[in-house]
Amino acid sequence: MGRLVVQQFVTADGFAANLDGEFTAYELLDGGTTEFDKSQAEWLTGVDAMVLGATTYRMFAGYWPTAEAANEIIAAPLNALRRHVFSTTLSHAPWGDLPAAALESGDAVEAIRRIKDETAGIVVLWGSLTLSRAFFAAHEVDEVRLVVMPVVIGAGLGAFPPGTDPVVLDLLGAATYDDGLVELRYAVRPPPEW
């Protein structure tokens, strides 16, 4: 059975998106992300599939399978992943010249359980805060990878679902990259049996 890993890029004050639902902190970095990109490319060799919401899908599909991204170190391993797009409005999910993503339009929790059952390794979710929150609430997230950016925005949308039972995390590791990026890796502790 596969493991669902939620990888979120967050600001130093803990926001995964601004109040408009966009993540622009990456654009504010002065230094490059070469060290982090190399680490990410190595990690992606152990990932089997990605799951994305419709908004994150549009952003990814508009860049990663294009000539503009061809020289990015993570482009090839990212484009090699099986892709699942969760949407009730899209009728297809093309990925450049590569095979299209599978569309998941039914119950998201049932779909992620099926995807995990069909996958031997890691399934990664990027961005897609609505999906992430649904998967946390259903206790389907196995690991969290927070990439903390040295940027503070003051307000926005958090990486974790508000108003739900506490999510307890066990630290697996921490690493620093480039000019101030910190990646924190956590196992999600199963909820207590009441």
Foldseek 3Di string as FASTA:
>chain_A
DEAEEEEAEAEPVFARAAAVLHDCLVVVDPWDFVFVQVVVQVVLVQAAAEEEEPVVLVVCLVPLLDPNCVPRSNSVSVVNHAYEYEDQPDPWACRHPDDTHHYDDPDLQVVVVVVRVVDDYYYYYYRRQVSQAVCVQVVRHFKYKYWYRHDDDPHRHGSYDPPHPDWDWDWPDWDATDPGIIITMTTTDGDDDD
